[in-house]
Amino acid sequence: MPATAPKPVLLELLRCPEPHHAPLAYDREENALTCSECAKVFRVEDGIPVMLLDSASGGGASGNGAAHHGE
């Protein structure tokens, strides 16, 4: 079953929940959104992005890769 992508208007509005609020890029193959600044990856379930920092992967989601942490 193919993954359900978020609506294009939603993709235009969404930003990373980190303080930098950078734009996100949608990866259709991975069915995920990736931050253009910190590279955190947010999964998409049934067309709904899961924008919880605790659920993000990559980009220092565990605290060991955040380039601007604490600034």
C-alpha atoms as a PDB file:
ATOM      1  CA  MET A   1       0.000   0.000   0.000  1.00  0.00           C
ATOM      2  CA  PRO A   2       1.514   3.374  -0.984  1.00  0.00           C
ATOM      3  CA  ALA A   3       2.187   5.916   1.720  1.00  0.00           C
ATOM      4  CA  THR A   4      -0.207   8.837   2.028  1.00  0.00           C
ATOM      5  CA  ALA A   5       1.578  12.149   1.546  1.00  0.00           C
ATOM      6  CA  PRO A   6       0.620  15.278   3.475  1.00  0.00           C
ATOM      7  CA  LYS A   7      -1.362  17.837   1.486  1.00  0.00           C
ATOM      8  CA  PRO A   8       0.855  20.298  -0.431  1.00  0.00           C
ATOM      9  CA  VAL A   9      -0.560  23.325   1.426  1.00  0.00           C
ATOM     10  CA  LEU A  10       0.393  21.672   4.734  1.00  0.00           C
ATOM     11  CA  LEU A  11       3.933  21.030   3.498  1.00  0.00           C
ATOM     12  CA  GLU A  12       4.290  24.740   2.669  1.00  0.00           C
ATOM     13  CA  LEU A  13       3.263  25.766   6.201  1.00  0.00           C
ATOM     14  CA  LEU A  14       5.134  23.219   8.323  1.00  0.00           C
ATOM     15  CA  ARG A  15       8.425  24.163   9.957  1.00  0.00           C
ATOM     16  CA  CYS A  16      10.813  22.314  12.241  1.00  0.00           C
ATOM     17  CA  PRO A  17       9.691  22.523  15.882  1.00  0.00           C
ATOM     18  CA  GLU A  18      13.247  23.388  16.979  1.00  0.00           C
ATOM     19  CA  PRO A  19      13.866  27.094  17.789  1.00  0.00           C
ATOM     20  CA  HIS A  20      15.290  27.785  14.293  1.00  0.00           C
ATOM     21  CA  HIS A  21      11.909  26.865  12.653  1.00  0.00           C
ATOM     22  CA  ALA A  22      13.609  25.893   9.383  1.00  0.00           C
ATOM     23  CA  PRO A  23      11.641  24.601   6.371  1.00  0.00           C
ATOM     24  CA  LEU A  24      11.079  20.873   5.934  1.00  0.00           C
ATOM     25  CA  ALA A  25      11.548  18.746   2.815  1.00  0.00           C
ATOM     26  CA  TYR A  26       9.227  15.809   2.108  1.00  0.00           C
ATOM     27  CA  ASP A  27      10.829  12.496   1.091  1.00  0.00           C
ATOM     28  CA  ARG A  28       8.181  10.405  -0.663  1.00  0.00           C
ATOM     29  CA  GLU A  29      10.247   7.181  -0.543  1.00  0.00           C
ATOM     30  CA  GLU A  30      10.857   7.436   3.210  1.00  0.00           C
ATOM     31  CA  ASN A  31       7.447   9.027   3.861  1.00  0.00           C
ATOM     32  CA  ALA A  32       9.120  11.524   6.158  1.00  0.00           C
ATOM     33  CA  LEU A  33       9.921  15.228   6.529  1.00  0.00           C
ATOM     34  CA  THR A  34      13.536  16.338   6.982  1.00  0.00           C
ATOM     35  CA  CYS A  35      14.620  19.665   8.458  1.00  0.00           C
ATOM     36  CA  SER A  36      16.780  21.718   6.102  1.00  0.00           C
ATOM     37  CA  GLU A  37      18.882  23.021   9.010  1.00  0.00           C
ATOM     38  CA  CYS A  38      19.263  20.353  11.701  1.00  0.00           C
ATOM     39  CA  ALA A  39      18.470  17.271   9.532  1.00  0.00           C
ATOM     40  CA  LYS A  40      15.971  15.842  12.023  1.00  0.00           C
ATOM     41  CA  VAL A  41      13.560  13.439  10.363  1.00  0.00           C
ATOM     42  CA  PHE A  42       9.848  13.422  11.237  1.00  0.00           C
ATOM     43  CA  ARG A  43       7.787  10.433  10.088  1.00  0.00           C
ATOM     44  CA  VAL A  44       4.422  10.804   8.369  1.00  0.00           C
ATOM     45  CA  GLU A  45       1.603   8.446   9.406  1.00  0.00           C
ATOM     46  CA  ASP A  46      -1.546   8.270   7.262  1.00  0.00           C
ATOM     47  CA  GLY A  47      -0.721  11.666   5.758  1.00  0.00           C
ATOM     48  CA  ILE A  48      -0.214  13.280   9.171  1.00  0.00           C
ATOM     49  CA  PRO A  49       3.294  14.489  10.109  1.00  0.00           C
ATOM     50  CA  VAL A  50       4.433  13.457  13.588  1.00  0.00           C
ATOM     51  CA  MET A  51       6.162  16.675  14.665  1.00  0.00           C
ATOM     52  CA  LEU A  52       7.190  15.613  18.175  1.00  0.00           C
ATOM     53  CA  LEU A  53      10.862  16.232  18.907  1.00  0.00           C
ATOM     54  CA  ASP A  54      10.974  13.073  21.027  1.00  0.00           C
ATOM     55  CA  SER A  55       9.835  11.050  18.001  1.00  0.00           C
ATOM     56  CA  ALA A  56      12.297  12.601  15.528  1.00  0.00           C
ATOM     57  CA  SER A  57      15.306  10.684  14.282  1.00  0.00           C
ATOM     58  CA  GLY A  58      18.668  11.850  12.968  1.00  0.00           C
ATOM     59  CA  GLY A  59      20.107  15.340  13.220  1.00  0.00           C
ATOM     60  CA  GLY A  60      20.995  14.994  16.865  1.00  0.00           C
ATOM     61  CA  ALA A  61      17.509  14.064  18.090  1.00  0.00           C
ATOM     62  CA  SER A  62      19.267  12.305  20.962  1.00  0.00           C
ATOM     63  CA  GLY A  63      21.264  15.450  21.702  1.00  0.00           C
ATOM     64  CA  ASN A  64      24.574  14.419  20.161  1.00  0.00           C
ATOM     65  CA  GLY A  65      24.503  16.326  16.895  1.00  0.00           C
ATOM     66  CA  ALA A  66      22.719  19.596  17.432  1.00  0.00           C
ATOM     67  CA  ALA A  67      25.092  22.214  16.081  1.00  0.00           C
ATOM     68  CA  HIS A  68      23.250  25.174  17.594  1.00  0.00           C
ATOM     69  CA  HIS A  69      22.115  23.683  20.907  1.00  0.00           C
ATOM     70  CA  GLY A  70      22.127  26.227  23.704  1.00  0.00           C
ATOM     71  CA  GLU A  71      22.632  29.310  21.513  1.00  0.00           C
END
